[in-house]
Every structure is written in C-alpha cells, then in structure tokens.
C-alpha cells in the first residue's frame, strides 16, 4: 500500500522487518535529515533508493551521502524500513500544508547530530590531507548549531592540534556563542600539544 493510500488509523506496513541494525538506523536518519520538511515518506524513499527524480535533483538531495543506500531494494521494502523507523520513534510524520512531512524525533535527532558531526570531522581530515589553502569553512553556516557543538567536542576530545588552523579559519563565520566555544577548543588543543 502506498503512503498516499494509507488510512490514518492503519498501522504502517513493516512485514518482514523485525529489527533494523544500527548502521541502517543511522543511514536512514542521515538521509532523512536532508529531507526534513521537504517531503514525506515518498521523498525519503526516493533518496534511499537513489531515484533519478526531478524533485530529488532539483533539491540537490542526490548529494546526500546516503543517496542510493538501498538501491538494490524495491521501494516497497524501503518503505517498510521507513515505517519501522516511525513505529520505533526515530521518525515522525507531521502535518504539512499539502501532505504529511517527515521529521526526526528527539530520539532520532540525538543519533543524527552525532553522525553528522562525525561526517564533518572526516571532512576536516580530508581538507587537512589535501593541503589546499586558504580553508573555506563558510559552508558550516548552514549546519545546525547542535551538530557543530558535537563536532567541536569531537575535535576537543581528539586532543590533536592539527585541527587548530581549521578552527582558526572557521572563527570569523559563526555566531558569538559558537566563536567562544571554538576559541575554547583551540585553547584546549594548544594545551594538549605542549
């Protein structure tokens, strides 16, 4: 049964999906983060399938790191996994102007912000390995502040001073509260290297 034809009093179909492994939960949440508020289950299913859909391409959702994650599965099988995520409190369908939109629950967001922060740390490592300068970190302006707080904590815990030049390059961009936190992480990394 397609998401459009499902009655509100009906339980979404999850037949055959008894439990999702942690890596699949993380993958679905990461894909869902970019589709939040942009569409319902259908949009997320298309991203996970890797659909060559006009709306997906127009919104740049084909750039999501999990685009095509389930390319070998049918849309029906992907929908069952998304339904499982809804039933187990990781995702929710909220009322939208035309149709319900998909969003992350608090439980789902707790996992996603840590996943996204890890992804950003790997991007920092790639930037440093490339050796290209000057560092342009203005793209971080569009990242949720909670994700950035998690990123800063990861960098602080690493104790690795290699991140200091990137942090210094980032300093002019964020709001004051985050700049203060960046300065604290720089100081912690400097202290750990001496």
N, C-alpha and C. Protein backbone atom coordinates (compact mmCIF):
# COMPACT_ATOMS: atom_id res chain seq x y z
N UNK A 1 0.84 -1.18 0.00
CA UNK A 1 0.00 0.00 0.00
C UNK A 1 0.88 1.24 0.00
N UNK A 2 0.64 2.17 -0.88
CA UNK A 2 1.48 3.36 -0.97
C UNK A 2 1.17 4.31 0.18
N UNK A 3 2.12 5.20 0.53
CA UNK A 3 1.90 6.12 1.63
C UNK A 3 0.65 6.98 1.43
N UNK A 4 0.32 7.33 0.18
CA UNK A 4 -0.83 8.19 -0.08
C UNK A 4 -2.14 7.49 0.23
N UNK A 5 -2.19 6.17 0.02
CA UNK A 5 -3.45 5.46 0.19
C UNK A 5 -3.62 4.90 1.61
N UNK A 6 -2.67 5.13 2.46
CA UNK A 6 -2.74 4.60 3.82
C UNK A 6 -3.69 5.43 4.67
N UNK A 7 -4.64 4.79 5.34
CA UNK A 7 -5.57 5.50 6.22
C UNK A 7 -4.86 5.82 7.54
N UNK A 8 -5.21 6.96 8.17
CA UNK A 8 -4.54 7.36 9.41
C UNK A 8 -4.68 6.33 10.54
N UNK A 9 -5.80 5.57 10.55
CA UNK A 9 -6.00 4.61 11.63
C UNK A 9 -5.30 3.28 11.36
N UNK A 10 -4.67 3.15 10.21
CA UNK A 10 -4.00 1.92 9.83
C UNK A 10 -2.54 1.95 10.29
N UNK A 11 -2.07 0.82 10.77
CA UNK A 11 -0.65 0.71 11.14
C UNK A 11 0.18 0.56 9.87
N UNK A 12 1.25 1.34 9.72
CA UNK A 12 2.09 1.21 8.53
C UNK A 12 2.68 -0.20 8.41
N UNK A 13 2.82 -0.64 7.19
CA UNK A 13 3.32 -1.99 6.90
C UNK A 13 4.81 -2.11 7.18
N UNK A 14 5.17 -3.04 8.07
CA UNK A 14 6.58 -3.33 8.35
C UNK A 14 6.86 -4.82 8.21
N UNK A 15 5.94 -5.56 7.58
CA UNK A 15 6.09 -7.02 7.46
C UNK A 15 7.48 -7.39 6.93
N UNK A 16 8.10 -8.31 7.63
CA UNK A 16 9.43 -8.78 7.22
C UNK A 16 10.56 -7.98 7.83
N UNK A 17 10.26 -6.86 8.46
CA UNK A 17 11.29 -6.03 9.11
C UNK A 17 11.03 -6.09 10.61
N UNK A 18 11.72 -7.00 11.26
CA UNK A 18 11.50 -7.17 12.70
C UNK A 18 12.39 -6.22 13.50
N UNK A 19 13.58 -5.98 12.99
CA UNK A 19 14.55 -5.13 13.68
C UNK A 19 15.53 -4.62 12.64
N UNK A 20 15.90 -3.36 12.77
CA UNK A 20 16.91 -2.80 11.87
C UNK A 20 18.24 -2.74 12.60
N UNK A 21 19.32 -3.14 11.92
CA UNK A 21 20.64 -2.99 12.55
C UNK A 21 20.99 -1.51 12.71
N UNK A 22 21.85 -1.23 13.66
CA UNK A 22 22.21 0.16 13.97
C UNK A 22 22.70 0.93 12.75
N UNK A 23 23.49 0.29 11.88
CA UNK A 23 24.02 1.01 10.72
C UNK A 23 22.90 1.44 9.77
N UNK A 24 21.81 0.67 9.70
CA UNK A 24 20.69 1.06 8.85
C UNK A 24 19.89 2.19 9.50
N UNK A 25 19.73 2.15 10.80
CA UNK A 25 19.05 3.24 11.51
C UNK A 25 19.80 4.54 11.28
N UNK A 26 21.12 4.50 11.42
CA UNK A 26 21.96 5.69 11.22
C UNK A 26 21.84 6.18 9.78
N UNK A 27 21.86 5.27 8.82
CA UNK A 27 21.78 5.64 7.40
C UNK A 27 20.44 6.30 7.07
N UNK A 28 19.36 5.72 7.56
CA UNK A 28 18.04 6.30 7.28
C UNK A 28 17.91 7.68 7.91
N UNK A 29 18.39 7.84 9.13
CA UNK A 29 18.34 9.14 9.78
C UNK A 29 19.17 10.17 9.03
N UNK A 30 20.34 9.77 8.56
CA UNK A 30 21.20 10.72 7.82
C UNK A 30 20.52 11.16 6.53
N UNK A 31 19.89 10.22 5.83
CA UNK A 31 19.16 10.57 4.61
C UNK A 31 17.95 11.44 4.95
N UNK A 32 17.26 11.12 6.04
CA UNK A 32 16.06 11.86 6.43
C UNK A 32 16.38 13.28 6.86
N UNK A 33 17.56 13.52 7.40
CA UNK A 33 17.91 14.86 7.87
C UNK A 33 17.82 15.88 6.74
N UNK A 34 18.27 15.51 5.55
CA UNK A 34 18.23 16.44 4.41
C UNK A 34 16.84 16.57 3.81
N UNK A 35 15.95 15.64 4.09
CA UNK A 35 14.60 15.71 3.53
C UNK A 35 13.59 16.29 4.51
N UNK A 36 14.03 16.61 5.72
CA UNK A 36 13.10 17.13 6.74
C UNK A 36 12.36 18.35 6.23
N UNK A 37 11.05 18.31 6.38
CA UNK A 37 10.22 19.43 5.98
C UNK A 37 10.07 19.59 4.48
N UNK A 38 10.83 18.84 3.70
CA UNK A 38 10.78 18.96 2.24
C UNK A 38 9.81 17.98 1.62
N UNK A 39 9.45 16.97 2.34
CA UNK A 39 8.55 15.98 1.77
C UNK A 39 8.24 14.90 2.78
N UNK A 40 7.40 14.01 2.39
CA UNK A 40 7.01 12.91 3.26
C UNK A 40 7.86 11.69 3.05
N UNK A 41 7.27 10.55 3.34
CA UNK A 41 7.99 9.28 3.23
C UNK A 41 8.46 9.05 1.81
N UNK A 42 7.63 9.44 0.83
CA UNK A 42 7.99 9.18 -0.56
C UNK A 42 9.33 9.80 -0.93
N UNK A 43 9.56 11.03 -0.47
CA UNK A 43 10.81 11.72 -0.78
C UNK A 43 11.99 10.96 -0.17
N UNK A 44 11.87 10.55 1.09
CA UNK A 44 12.95 9.81 1.74
C UNK A 44 13.19 8.48 1.04
N UNK A 45 12.13 7.80 0.68
CA UNK A 45 12.24 6.51 -0.01
C UNK A 45 12.99 6.70 -1.32
N UNK A 46 12.69 7.76 -2.05
CA UNK A 46 13.36 8.01 -3.34
C UNK A 46 14.85 8.31 -3.13
N UNK A 47 15.17 9.05 -2.07
CA UNK A 47 16.59 9.34 -1.78
C UNK A 47 17.32 8.04 -1.46
N UNK A 48 16.73 7.23 -0.59
CA UNK A 48 17.37 5.97 -0.20
C UNK A 48 17.48 5.00 -1.38
N UNK A 49 16.54 5.06 -2.30
CA UNK A 49 16.56 4.21 -3.48
C UNK A 49 17.58 4.72 -4.50
N UNK A 50 17.85 6.03 -4.45
CA UNK A 50 18.74 6.63 -5.46
C UNK A 50 17.98 6.94 -6.73
N UNK A 51 16.72 7.32 -6.57
CA UNK A 51 15.85 7.59 -7.72
C UNK A 51 16.33 8.80 -8.50
N UNK A 52 16.24 8.69 -9.80
CA UNK A 52 16.59 9.79 -10.71
C UNK A 52 15.33 10.61 -10.92
N UNK A 53 14.91 11.29 -9.86
CA UNK A 53 13.65 12.01 -9.82
C UNK A 53 13.93 13.51 -9.95
N UNK A 54 13.06 14.20 -10.68
CA UNK A 54 13.26 15.64 -10.92
C UNK A 54 13.31 16.42 -9.61
N UNK A 55 12.39 16.12 -8.66
CA UNK A 55 12.38 16.84 -7.38
C UNK A 55 13.64 16.57 -6.56
N UNK A 56 14.10 15.34 -6.60
CA UNK A 56 15.31 14.97 -5.86
C UNK A 56 16.49 15.77 -6.40
N UNK A 57 16.62 15.79 -7.71
CA UNK A 57 17.73 16.50 -8.35
C UNK A 57 17.61 18.00 -8.14
N UNK A 58 16.39 18.54 -8.26
CA UNK A 58 16.17 19.98 -8.10
C UNK A 58 16.56 20.45 -6.69
N UNK A 59 16.27 19.64 -5.69
CA UNK A 59 16.59 20.00 -4.30
C UNK A 59 18.01 19.61 -3.90
N UNK A 60 18.75 19.00 -4.82
CA UNK A 60 20.12 18.60 -4.52
C UNK A 60 20.22 17.42 -3.58
N UNK A 61 19.13 16.68 -3.41
CA UNK A 61 19.13 15.55 -2.48
C UNK A 61 19.96 14.38 -2.98
N UNK A 62 20.32 14.41 -4.26
CA UNK A 62 21.22 13.38 -4.80
C UNK A 62 22.64 13.58 -4.26
N UNK A 63 22.90 14.68 -3.58
CA UNK A 63 24.20 14.94 -2.96
C UNK A 63 24.27 14.38 -1.54
N UNK A 64 23.13 13.93 -1.02
CA UNK A 64 23.10 13.35 0.32
C UNK A 64 24.04 12.14 0.33
N UNK A 65 24.88 11.99 1.37
CA UNK A 65 25.82 10.87 1.40
C UNK A 65 25.17 9.49 1.38
N UNK A 66 23.86 9.42 1.69
CA UNK A 66 23.18 8.13 1.69
C UNK A 66 22.24 7.96 0.50
N UNK A 67 22.36 8.83 -0.48
CA UNK A 67 21.57 8.70 -1.71
C UNK A 67 21.92 7.36 -2.37
N UNK A 68 20.90 6.54 -2.59
CA UNK A 68 21.11 5.24 -3.21
C UNK A 68 21.55 4.15 -2.24
N UNK A 69 21.46 4.42 -0.95
CA UNK A 69 21.89 3.44 0.06
C UNK A 69 21.20 2.09 -0.12
N UNK A 70 19.92 2.12 -0.48
CA UNK A 70 19.14 0.89 -0.67
C UNK A 70 18.82 0.67 -2.16
N UNK A 71 19.73 1.00 -3.03
CA UNK A 71 19.42 0.90 -4.47
C UNK A 71 19.02 -0.51 -4.90
N UNK A 72 19.46 -1.53 -4.17
CA UNK A 72 19.14 -2.91 -4.55
C UNK A 72 17.76 -3.35 -4.06
N UNK A 73 17.14 -2.57 -3.17
CA UNK A 73 15.82 -2.93 -2.64
C UNK A 73 14.71 -2.25 -3.44
N UNK A 74 13.53 -2.84 -3.38
CA UNK A 74 12.36 -2.21 -4.01
C UNK A 74 11.90 -1.06 -3.12
N UNK A 75 11.15 -0.13 -3.70
CA UNK A 75 10.62 0.98 -2.91
C UNK A 75 9.71 0.46 -1.80
N UNK A 76 9.00 -0.63 -2.05
CA UNK A 76 8.13 -1.23 -1.04
C UNK A 76 8.95 -1.72 0.16
N UNK A 77 10.09 -2.35 -0.08
CA UNK A 77 10.95 -2.82 1.01
C UNK A 77 11.56 -1.64 1.77
N UNK A 78 11.92 -0.58 1.06
CA UNK A 78 12.46 0.62 1.71
C UNK A 78 11.38 1.26 2.58
N UNK A 79 10.16 1.31 2.05
CA UNK A 79 9.04 1.90 2.80
C UNK A 79 8.82 1.14 4.11
N UNK A 80 8.95 -0.17 4.09
CA UNK A 80 8.78 -0.95 5.31
C UNK A 80 9.82 -0.55 6.35
N UNK A 81 11.03 -0.28 5.92
CA UNK A 81 12.09 0.14 6.84
C UNK A 81 11.80 1.54 7.40
N UNK A 82 11.33 2.44 6.54
CA UNK A 82 10.96 3.78 7.00
C UNK A 82 9.79 3.69 7.98
N UNK A 83 8.82 2.85 7.68
CA UNK A 83 7.69 2.65 8.60
C UNK A 83 8.18 2.12 9.95
N UNK A 84 9.16 1.21 9.92
CA UNK A 84 9.73 0.68 11.17
C UNK A 84 10.35 1.82 11.98
N UNK A 85 11.04 2.72 11.29
CA UNK A 85 11.67 3.87 11.96
C UNK A 85 10.61 4.77 12.61
N UNK A 86 9.47 4.92 11.95
CA UNK A 86 8.37 5.72 12.51
C UNK A 86 7.79 5.00 13.72
N UNK A 87 7.50 3.71 13.57
CA UNK A 87 6.90 2.94 14.67
C UNK A 87 7.81 2.88 15.90
N UNK A 88 9.11 2.92 15.70
CA UNK A 88 10.04 2.81 16.83
C UNK A 88 10.56 4.16 17.32
N UNK A 89 9.90 5.23 16.88
CA UNK A 89 10.15 6.55 17.45
C UNK A 89 11.40 7.27 16.99
N UNK A 90 11.92 6.94 15.81
CA UNK A 90 13.08 7.66 15.27
C UNK A 90 12.64 8.77 14.31
N UNK A 91 11.54 8.54 13.60
CA UNK A 91 10.98 9.49 12.65
C UNK A 91 9.51 9.71 12.98
N UNK A 92 8.98 10.84 12.50
CA UNK A 92 7.56 11.09 12.66
C UNK A 92 7.02 11.79 11.43
N UNK A 93 5.73 11.61 11.21
CA UNK A 93 5.04 12.32 10.14
C UNK A 93 4.28 13.47 10.79
N UNK A 94 4.60 14.69 10.38
CA UNK A 94 3.95 15.87 10.94
C UNK A 94 3.05 16.48 9.87
N UNK A 95 1.98 17.15 10.30
CA UNK A 95 1.09 17.78 9.32
C UNK A 95 1.85 18.81 8.49
N UNK A 96 1.61 18.78 7.19
CA UNK A 96 2.22 19.75 6.28
C UNK A 96 1.12 20.53 5.58
N UNK A 97 1.49 21.48 4.74
CA UNK A 97 0.48 22.30 4.07
C UNK A 97 -0.36 21.47 3.09
N UNK A 98 0.26 20.52 2.41
CA UNK A 98 -0.47 19.69 1.45
C UNK A 98 -0.58 18.24 1.90
N UNK A 99 0.49 17.73 2.46
CA UNK A 99 0.55 16.33 2.88
C UNK A 99 1.48 16.24 4.09
N UNK A 100 1.43 15.14 4.83
CA UNK A 100 2.33 15.00 5.98
C UNK A 100 3.80 15.06 5.55
N UNK A 101 4.60 15.73 6.36
CA UNK A 101 6.03 15.82 6.10
C UNK A 101 6.77 14.98 7.13
N UNK A 102 7.91 14.49 6.73
CA UNK A 102 8.71 13.64 7.59
C UNK A 102 9.66 14.48 8.42
N UNK A 103 9.85 14.11 9.66
CA UNK A 103 10.80 14.81 10.53
C UNK A 103 11.45 13.79 11.46
N UNK A 104 12.53 14.21 12.09
CA UNK A 104 13.21 13.37 13.07
C UNK A 104 12.60 13.63 14.44
N UNK A 105 12.44 12.59 15.21
CA UNK A 105 12.01 12.76 16.60
C UNK A 105 13.24 13.18 17.41
N UNK A 106 13.03 13.49 18.67
CA UNK A 106 14.15 13.84 19.53
C UNK A 106 15.14 12.66 19.61
N UNK A 107 14.59 11.46 19.70
CA UNK A 107 15.42 10.24 19.75
C UNK A 107 16.24 10.11 18.46
N UNK A 108 15.61 10.35 17.32
CA UNK A 108 16.32 10.28 16.04
C UNK A 108 17.36 11.38 15.90
N UNK A 109 17.02 12.59 16.36
CA UNK A 109 17.93 13.72 16.26
C UNK A 109 19.19 13.51 17.11
N UNK A 110 19.04 12.89 18.28
CA UNK A 110 20.21 12.62 19.13
C UNK A 110 21.24 11.77 18.38
N UNK A 111 20.76 10.80 17.62
CA UNK A 111 21.67 9.94 16.84
C UNK A 111 22.22 10.71 15.65
N UNK A 112 21.34 11.43 14.92
CA UNK A 112 21.74 12.10 13.69
C UNK A 112 22.78 13.19 13.93
N UNK A 113 22.62 13.98 14.99
CA UNK A 113 23.57 15.08 15.18
C UNK A 113 24.98 14.55 15.47
N UNK A 114 25.07 13.39 16.11
CA UNK A 114 26.39 12.78 16.34
C UNK A 114 26.96 12.21 15.04
N UNK A 115 26.09 11.60 14.25
CA UNK A 115 26.52 11.04 12.95
C UNK A 115 27.03 12.14 12.04
N UNK A 116 26.28 13.23 11.96
CA UNK A 116 26.65 14.35 11.08
C UNK A 116 27.96 14.99 11.57
N UNK A 117 28.12 15.10 12.88
CA UNK A 117 29.36 15.67 13.43
C UNK A 117 30.56 14.80 13.04
N UNK A 118 30.40 13.48 13.10
CA UNK A 118 31.48 12.56 12.68
C UNK A 118 31.81 12.77 11.20
N UNK A 119 30.77 12.94 10.39
CA UNK A 119 30.96 13.18 8.96
C UNK A 119 31.76 14.47 8.74
N UNK A 120 31.42 15.53 9.49
CA UNK A 120 32.15 16.79 9.36
C UNK A 120 33.60 16.66 9.80
N UNK A 121 33.83 15.87 10.84
CA UNK A 121 35.22 15.66 11.28
C UNK A 121 36.02 14.95 10.18
N UNK A 122 35.40 13.99 9.51
CA UNK A 122 36.08 13.32 8.40
C UNK A 122 36.36 14.31 7.27
N UNK A 123 35.42 15.24 7.04
CA UNK A 123 35.65 16.28 6.03
C UNK A 123 36.84 17.16 6.44
N UNK A 124 36.93 17.50 7.73
CA UNK A 124 38.07 18.27 8.22
C UNK A 124 39.37 17.53 7.94
N UNK A 125 39.38 16.22 8.20
CA UNK A 125 40.58 15.42 7.94
C UNK A 125 40.94 15.45 6.45
N UNK A 126 39.93 15.36 5.58
CA UNK A 126 40.19 15.40 4.13
C UNK A 126 40.73 16.75 3.70
N UNK A 127 40.19 17.83 4.28
CA UNK A 127 40.67 19.17 3.96
C UNK A 127 42.14 19.29 4.35
N UNK A 128 42.48 18.82 5.55
CA UNK A 128 43.87 18.90 6.01
C UNK A 128 44.80 18.05 5.16
N UNK A 129 44.34 16.85 4.78
CA UNK A 129 45.16 15.97 3.96
C UNK A 129 45.40 16.54 2.56
N UNK A 130 44.42 17.28 2.04
CA UNK A 130 44.57 17.85 0.70
C UNK A 130 45.63 18.95 0.68
N UNK A 131 45.84 19.62 1.82
CA UNK A 131 46.84 20.67 1.90
C UNK A 131 46.43 21.96 1.21
N UNK A 132 45.22 22.03 0.66
CA UNK A 132 44.77 23.23 -0.06
C UNK A 132 44.41 24.32 0.93
N UNK A 133 44.95 25.51 0.65
CA UNK A 133 44.64 26.66 1.48
C UNK A 133 44.32 27.83 0.58
N UNK A 134 43.61 28.84 0.98
CA UNK A 134 43.06 29.04 2.31
C UNK A 134 41.85 28.12 2.53
N UNK A 135 41.59 27.85 3.79
CA UNK A 135 40.46 27.00 4.15
C UNK A 135 39.17 27.80 4.07
N UNK A 136 38.21 27.30 3.33
CA UNK A 136 36.91 27.95 3.25
C UNK A 136 35.90 27.09 4.01
N UNK A 137 35.54 27.55 5.19
CA UNK A 137 34.60 26.82 6.02
C UNK A 137 33.26 27.53 6.13
N UNK A 138 32.99 28.44 5.20
CA UNK A 138 31.73 29.18 5.23
C UNK A 138 30.52 28.26 5.08
N UNK A 139 30.71 27.08 4.48
CA UNK A 139 29.61 26.13 4.32
C UNK A 139 29.04 25.66 5.66
N UNK A 140 29.81 25.82 6.72
CA UNK A 140 29.33 25.39 8.04
C UNK A 140 28.22 26.29 8.58
N UNK A 141 28.05 27.47 7.95
CA UNK A 141 26.99 28.38 8.38
C UNK A 141 25.61 27.75 8.27
N UNK A 142 25.44 26.82 7.33
CA UNK A 142 24.12 26.20 7.13
C UNK A 142 23.91 24.95 7.99
N UNK A 143 24.91 24.59 8.79
CA UNK A 143 24.81 23.38 9.62
C UNK A 143 24.20 23.75 10.97
N UNK A 144 23.33 22.89 11.46
CA UNK A 144 22.66 23.11 12.74
C UNK A 144 23.69 23.32 13.86
N UNK A 145 23.48 24.31 14.73
CA UNK A 145 24.43 24.59 15.82
C UNK A 145 24.69 23.39 16.74
N UNK A 146 23.68 22.54 16.96
CA UNK A 146 23.88 21.37 17.81
C UNK A 146 24.88 20.39 17.18
N UNK A 147 24.83 20.28 15.87
CA UNK A 147 25.78 19.42 15.15
C UNK A 147 27.18 20.01 15.30
N UNK A 148 27.28 21.33 15.17
CA UNK A 148 28.59 21.99 15.29
C UNK A 148 29.15 21.85 16.70
N UNK A 149 28.29 21.92 17.72
CA UNK A 149 28.73 21.70 19.10
C UNK A 149 29.30 20.29 19.25
N UNK A 150 28.63 19.32 18.64
CA UNK A 150 29.12 17.94 18.68
C UNK A 150 30.45 17.82 17.96
N UNK A 151 30.59 18.50 16.83
CA UNK A 151 31.86 18.49 16.08
C UNK A 151 32.97 19.06 16.95
N UNK A 152 32.72 20.18 17.58
CA UNK A 152 33.75 20.81 18.42
C UNK A 152 34.16 19.90 19.57
N UNK A 153 33.19 19.19 20.13
CA UNK A 153 33.51 18.27 21.22
C UNK A 153 34.37 17.10 20.71
N UNK A 154 34.07 16.62 19.51
CA UNK A 154 34.89 15.56 18.91
C UNK A 154 36.33 16.04 18.71
N UNK A 155 36.48 17.26 18.21
CA UNK A 155 37.82 17.81 17.97
C UNK A 155 38.56 18.01 19.28
N UNK A 156 37.85 18.51 20.31
CA UNK A 156 38.48 18.71 21.61
C UNK A 156 38.95 17.38 22.19
N UNK A 157 38.09 16.38 22.13
CA UNK A 157 38.43 15.06 22.67
C UNK A 157 39.58 14.41 21.92
N UNK A 158 39.74 14.76 20.64
CA UNK A 158 40.84 14.17 19.86
C UNK A 158 42.19 14.59 20.43
N UNK A 159 42.24 15.80 21.01
CA UNK A 159 43.50 16.32 21.54
C UNK A 159 44.53 16.60 20.46
N UNK A 160 44.11 16.58 19.20
CA UNK A 160 45.04 16.72 18.08
C UNK A 160 45.13 18.18 17.62
N UNK A 161 46.30 18.79 17.79
CA UNK A 161 46.46 20.19 17.40
C UNK A 161 46.41 20.44 15.88
N UNK A 162 46.37 19.37 15.08
CA UNK A 162 46.30 19.56 13.63
C UNK A 162 45.04 20.33 13.22
N UNK A 163 44.00 20.30 14.09
CA UNK A 163 42.74 20.98 13.76
C UNK A 163 42.78 22.48 14.03
N UNK A 164 43.79 22.97 14.71
CA UNK A 164 43.85 24.38 15.09
C UNK A 164 43.77 25.31 13.88
N UNK A 165 44.53 25.09 12.80
CA UNK A 165 44.41 26.00 11.65
C UNK A 165 42.99 26.05 11.05
N UNK A 166 42.33 24.92 11.02
CA UNK A 166 40.95 24.90 10.51
C UNK A 166 40.02 25.66 11.44
N UNK A 167 40.19 25.46 12.73
CA UNK A 167 39.35 26.16 13.70
C UNK A 167 39.58 27.67 13.62
N UNK A 168 40.81 28.07 13.44
CA UNK A 168 41.12 29.50 13.31
C UNK A 168 40.50 30.07 12.03
N UNK A 169 40.50 29.29 10.95
CA UNK A 169 39.88 29.74 9.70
C UNK A 169 38.35 29.82 9.82
N UNK A 170 37.78 29.01 10.69
CA UNK A 170 36.33 28.97 10.90
C UNK A 170 35.86 30.12 11.79
N UNK A 171 36.72 30.60 12.65
CA UNK A 171 36.39 31.57 13.70
C UNK A 171 35.58 32.79 13.22
N UNK A 172 35.83 33.37 12.06
CA UNK A 172 35.07 34.57 11.67
C UNK A 172 33.59 34.31 11.31
N UNK A 173 33.21 33.09 11.06
CA UNK A 173 31.89 32.82 10.50
C UNK A 173 30.74 32.62 11.48
N UNK A 174 30.90 31.86 12.54
CA UNK A 174 29.72 31.53 13.37
C UNK A 174 29.29 32.66 14.29
N UNK A 175 28.09 32.51 14.91
CA UNK A 175 27.64 33.47 15.91
C UNK A 175 28.57 33.49 17.12
N UNK A 176 28.45 34.53 17.94
CA UNK A 176 29.37 34.77 19.06
C UNK A 176 29.49 33.56 19.99
N UNK A 177 28.35 32.94 20.35
CA UNK A 177 28.38 31.82 21.30
C UNK A 177 29.25 30.69 20.76
N UNK A 178 29.13 30.41 19.47
CA UNK A 178 29.92 29.35 18.87
C UNK A 178 31.39 29.77 18.72
N UNK A 179 31.63 31.05 18.45
CA UNK A 179 33.02 31.54 18.36
C UNK A 179 33.73 31.34 19.70
N UNK A 180 33.01 31.59 20.80
CA UNK A 180 33.57 31.39 22.12
C UNK A 180 33.97 29.93 22.31
N UNK A 181 33.07 29.04 21.88
CA UNK A 181 33.34 27.60 22.01
C UNK A 181 34.52 27.18 21.15
N UNK A 182 34.62 27.72 19.94
CA UNK A 182 35.75 27.41 19.05
C UNK A 182 37.05 27.85 19.72
N UNK A 183 37.05 29.05 20.30
CA UNK A 183 38.25 29.56 20.98
C UNK A 183 38.65 28.65 22.14
N UNK A 184 37.66 28.14 22.87
CA UNK A 184 37.94 27.22 23.98
C UNK A 184 38.57 25.92 23.47
N UNK A 185 38.07 25.42 22.34
CA UNK A 185 38.61 24.18 21.78
C UNK A 185 40.04 24.41 21.27
N UNK A 186 40.27 25.56 20.65
CA UNK A 186 41.64 25.91 20.20
C UNK A 186 42.58 25.90 21.41
N UNK A 187 42.16 26.55 22.50
CA UNK A 187 42.98 26.63 23.71
C UNK A 187 43.25 25.24 24.27
N UNK A 188 42.23 24.38 24.26
CA UNK A 188 42.39 23.01 24.79
C UNK A 188 43.36 22.22 23.93
N UNK A 189 43.27 22.38 22.62
CA UNK A 189 44.17 21.65 21.71
C UNK A 189 45.61 22.17 21.84
N UNK A 190 45.76 23.48 22.01
CA UNK A 190 47.10 24.04 22.24
C UNK A 190 47.69 23.51 23.52
N UNK A 191 46.88 23.44 24.57
CA UNK A 191 47.35 22.94 25.86
C UNK A 191 47.75 21.47 25.79
N UNK A 192 47.01 20.71 25.01
CA UNK A 192 47.31 19.27 24.92
C UNK A 192 48.57 18.99 24.10
N UNK A 193 48.96 19.97 23.26
CA UNK A 193 50.16 19.75 22.44
C UNK A 193 51.44 20.20 23.13
N UNK A 194 51.29 20.91 24.25
CA UNK A 194 52.51 21.39 24.93
C UNK A 194 52.94 20.47 26.05
